């Protein structure tokens, strides 16, 4: 976002806002934000969005595709 964002929010593939939990951590520093998913499972795969909003209400988004592969036993 232009300038310093006043709000950074993450959304899961279903479009729901993510809140910190035992499985998901949100780390935000000034204009950077990081979503950490612990022990990710196949159901966590999809497109995650980070939305930044500045003081004037202008928003910008970035998307991240999370792919999860199952380890094949041989």
N, C-alpha and C. Protein backbone atom coordinates (compact mmCIF):
# COMPACT_ATOMS: atom_id res chain seq x y z
N UNK A 1 0.85 -1.18 0.00
CA UNK A 1 0.00 0.00 0.00
C UNK A 1 0.89 1.23 0.00
N UNK A 2 0.33 2.34 -0.42
CA UNK A 2 1.08 3.59 -0.45
C UNK A 2 1.29 4.05 0.99
N UNK A 3 2.53 4.40 1.32
CA UNK A 3 2.84 4.81 2.69
C UNK A 3 2.85 3.62 3.62
N UNK A 4 2.64 3.90 4.89
CA UNK A 4 2.63 2.83 5.89
C UNK A 4 1.21 2.29 6.02
N UNK A 5 1.01 1.00 5.78
CA UNK A 5 -0.34 0.46 5.95
C UNK A 5 -0.74 0.50 7.43
N UNK A 6 -2.01 0.81 7.66
CA UNK A 6 -2.51 0.82 9.03
C UNK A 6 -3.12 -0.53 9.40
N UNK A 7 -3.36 -1.36 8.36
CA UNK A 7 -3.92 -2.68 8.61
C UNK A 7 -3.43 -3.65 7.56
N UNK A 8 -2.96 -4.81 8.01
CA UNK A 8 -2.57 -5.91 7.12
C UNK A 8 -3.36 -7.14 7.56
N UNK A 9 -4.13 -7.70 6.64
CA UNK A 9 -4.97 -8.85 6.98
C UNK A 9 -4.75 -9.97 5.97
N UNK A 10 -4.83 -11.20 6.47
CA UNK A 10 -4.70 -12.39 5.63
C UNK A 10 -6.04 -13.09 5.50
N UNK A 11 -6.28 -13.66 4.31
CA UNK A 11 -7.53 -14.39 4.03
C UNK A 11 -7.18 -15.77 3.50
N UNK A 12 -7.93 -16.78 3.96
CA UNK A 12 -7.69 -18.15 3.52
C UNK A 12 -8.33 -18.40 2.15
N UNK A 13 -8.13 -19.59 1.56
CA UNK A 13 -8.70 -19.86 0.24
C UNK A 13 -10.23 -19.76 0.17
N UNK A 14 -10.91 -19.87 1.31
CA UNK A 14 -12.37 -19.74 1.34
C UNK A 14 -12.81 -18.28 1.48
N UNK A 15 -11.84 -17.35 1.58
CA UNK A 15 -12.15 -15.93 1.69
C UNK A 15 -12.39 -15.44 3.10
N UNK A 16 -12.13 -16.29 4.10
CA UNK A 16 -12.32 -15.90 5.50
C UNK A 16 -11.05 -15.27 6.05
N UNK A 17 -11.22 -14.23 6.86
CA UNK A 17 -10.06 -13.58 7.48
C UNK A 17 -9.41 -14.54 8.46
N UNK A 18 -8.09 -14.61 8.41
CA UNK A 18 -7.34 -15.52 9.28
C UNK A 18 -6.99 -14.79 10.58
N UNK A 19 -7.21 -15.48 11.69
CA UNK A 19 -6.78 -14.98 12.99
C UNK A 19 -5.73 -15.95 13.52
N UNK A 20 -4.83 -15.44 14.33
CA UNK A 20 -3.77 -16.28 14.89
C UNK A 20 -4.38 -17.42 15.72
N UNK A 21 -3.75 -18.59 15.63
CA UNK A 21 -4.20 -19.76 16.37
C UNK A 21 -2.99 -20.63 16.66
N UNK A 22 -3.21 -21.81 17.20
CA UNK A 22 -2.09 -22.72 17.46
C UNK A 22 -1.45 -23.19 16.16
N UNK A 23 -2.22 -23.23 15.07
CA UNK A 23 -1.70 -23.70 13.78
C UNK A 23 -1.22 -22.58 12.88
N UNK A 24 -1.74 -21.37 13.08
CA UNK A 24 -1.39 -20.27 12.19
C UNK A 24 -0.90 -19.07 12.97
N UNK A 25 0.25 -18.54 12.55
CA UNK A 25 0.82 -17.36 13.19
C UNK A 25 0.91 -16.24 12.17
N UNK A 26 0.63 -15.03 12.62
CA UNK A 26 0.74 -13.85 11.78
C UNK A 26 1.82 -12.95 12.36
N UNK A 27 2.83 -12.65 11.55
CA UNK A 27 3.92 -11.76 11.99
C UNK A 27 3.91 -10.53 11.11
N UNK A 28 3.67 -9.38 11.72
CA UNK A 28 3.62 -8.14 10.96
C UNK A 28 4.65 -7.17 11.52
N UNK A 29 5.48 -6.63 10.62
CA UNK A 29 6.51 -5.65 10.97
C UNK A 29 6.41 -4.50 9.99
N UNK A 30 6.03 -3.35 10.46
CA UNK A 30 5.88 -2.14 9.65
C UNK A 30 5.06 -2.43 8.40
N UNK A 31 5.69 -2.58 7.24
CA UNK A 31 4.94 -2.80 6.01
C UNK A 31 5.09 -4.23 5.49
N UNK A 32 5.53 -5.15 6.33
CA UNK A 32 5.67 -6.55 5.93
C UNK A 32 4.80 -7.41 6.82
N UNK A 33 4.28 -8.47 6.22
CA UNK A 33 3.49 -9.41 6.99
C UNK A 33 3.80 -10.82 6.49
N UNK A 34 3.80 -11.75 7.44
CA UNK A 34 4.13 -13.14 7.12
C UNK A 34 3.09 -14.04 7.78
N UNK A 35 2.59 -14.99 7.02
CA UNK A 35 1.67 -16.00 7.53
C UNK A 35 2.44 -17.31 7.64
N UNK A 36 2.42 -17.92 8.83
CA UNK A 36 3.09 -19.19 9.04
C UNK A 36 2.04 -20.23 9.39
N UNK A 37 2.04 -21.34 8.66
CA UNK A 37 1.12 -22.44 8.93
C UNK A 37 1.96 -23.61 9.44
N UNK A 38 1.71 -23.99 10.68
CA UNK A 38 2.44 -25.10 11.28
C UNK A 38 1.76 -26.42 10.93
N UNK A 39 2.58 -27.44 10.63
CA UNK A 39 2.05 -28.77 10.30
C UNK A 39 0.95 -28.69 9.25
N UNK A 40 1.26 -28.03 8.14
CA UNK A 40 0.27 -27.86 7.08
C UNK A 40 -0.22 -29.21 6.56
N UNK A 41 -1.50 -29.26 6.22
CA UNK A 41 -2.12 -30.47 5.70
C UNK A 41 -2.68 -30.18 4.31
N UNK A 42 -3.04 -31.23 3.59
CA UNK A 42 -3.55 -31.09 2.22
C UNK A 42 -4.68 -30.06 2.15
N UNK A 43 -5.56 -30.04 3.13
CA UNK A 43 -6.70 -29.13 3.13
C UNK A 43 -6.29 -27.66 3.24
N UNK A 44 -5.05 -27.38 3.63
CA UNK A 44 -4.56 -26.01 3.72
C UNK A 44 -4.16 -25.44 2.36
N UNK A 45 -4.06 -26.27 1.35
CA UNK A 45 -3.63 -25.82 0.02
C UNK A 45 -4.63 -24.82 -0.55
N UNK A 46 -4.13 -23.91 -1.35
CA UNK A 46 -4.99 -22.94 -2.02
C UNK A 46 -4.34 -21.58 -2.14
N UNK A 47 -5.14 -20.60 -2.48
CA UNK A 47 -4.65 -19.24 -2.68
C UNK A 47 -4.96 -18.41 -1.44
N UNK A 48 -3.91 -17.87 -0.82
CA UNK A 48 -4.04 -17.01 0.35
C UNK A 48 -3.81 -15.57 -0.08
N UNK A 49 -4.58 -14.64 0.48
CA UNK A 49 -4.44 -13.23 0.12
C UNK A 49 -4.03 -12.42 1.33
N UNK A 50 -3.15 -11.46 1.09
CA UNK A 50 -2.78 -10.48 2.12
C UNK A 50 -3.28 -9.13 1.61
N UNK A 51 -4.07 -8.45 2.44
CA UNK A 51 -4.64 -7.16 2.06
C UNK A 51 -4.07 -6.07 2.97
N UNK A 52 -3.49 -5.06 2.34
CA UNK A 52 -2.92 -3.92 3.07
C UNK A 52 -3.82 -2.71 2.85
N UNK A 53 -4.12 -2.01 3.94
CA UNK A 53 -4.96 -0.81 3.88
C UNK A 53 -4.19 0.35 4.49
N UNK A 54 -4.16 1.49 3.76
CA UNK A 54 -3.46 2.65 4.30
C UNK A 54 -4.45 3.57 5.02
N UNK A 55 -3.94 4.66 5.58
CA UNK A 55 -4.76 5.56 6.41
C UNK A 55 -5.92 6.19 5.63
N UNK A 56 -5.79 6.33 4.31
CA UNK A 56 -6.87 6.92 3.52
C UNK A 56 -7.89 5.87 3.06
N UNK A 57 -7.68 4.62 3.43
CA UNK A 57 -8.63 3.56 3.06
C UNK A 57 -8.29 2.86 1.76
N UNK A 58 -7.19 3.24 1.11
CA UNK A 58 -6.76 2.59 -0.13
C UNK A 58 -6.22 1.21 0.20
N UNK A 59 -6.65 0.20 -0.57
CA UNK A 59 -6.18 -1.16 -0.30
C UNK A 59 -5.44 -1.74 -1.50
N UNK A 60 -4.48 -2.59 -1.19
CA UNK A 60 -3.75 -3.36 -2.19
C UNK A 60 -3.66 -4.79 -1.68
N UNK A 61 -3.61 -5.72 -2.62
CA UNK A 61 -3.56 -7.13 -2.24
C UNK A 61 -2.42 -7.85 -2.94
N UNK A 62 -1.96 -8.89 -2.28
CA UNK A 62 -0.98 -9.81 -2.87
C UNK A 62 -1.51 -11.21 -2.59
N UNK A 63 -1.27 -12.12 -3.51
CA UNK A 63 -1.73 -13.50 -3.34
C UNK A 63 -0.54 -14.45 -3.32
N UNK A 64 -0.72 -15.53 -2.57
CA UNK A 64 0.29 -16.57 -2.46
C UNK A 64 -0.41 -17.91 -2.69
N UNK A 65 0.16 -18.73 -3.57
CA UNK A 65 -0.40 -20.06 -3.81
C UNK A 65 0.36 -21.04 -2.94
N UNK A 66 -0.38 -21.76 -2.10
CA UNK A 66 0.23 -22.78 -1.25
C UNK A 66 -0.11 -24.15 -1.83
N UNK A 67 0.94 -24.86 -2.25
CA UNK A 67 0.79 -26.22 -2.76
C UNK A 67 1.37 -27.18 -1.73
N UNK A 68 0.67 -28.25 -1.49
CA UNK A 68 1.12 -29.25 -0.53
C UNK A 68 1.14 -30.60 -1.24
N UNK A 69 2.25 -31.29 -1.09
CA UNK A 69 2.41 -32.59 -1.74
C UNK A 69 2.53 -33.67 -0.68
N UNK A 70 1.87 -34.77 -0.93
CA UNK A 70 1.94 -35.91 -0.04
C UNK A 70 3.19 -36.72 -0.38
N UNK A 71 3.94 -37.08 0.64
CA UNK A 71 5.14 -37.88 0.44
C UNK A 71 4.71 -39.31 0.12
N UNK A 72 5.23 -39.83 -0.98
CA UNK A 72 4.90 -41.19 -1.39
C UNK A 72 5.83 -42.19 -0.72
N UNK A 73 5.25 -43.20 -0.13
CA UNK A 73 6.05 -44.28 0.48
C UNK A 73 6.45 -45.26 -0.60
N UNK A 74 7.68 -45.67 -0.58
CA UNK A 74 8.16 -46.63 -1.59
C UNK A 74 8.54 -47.92 -0.95
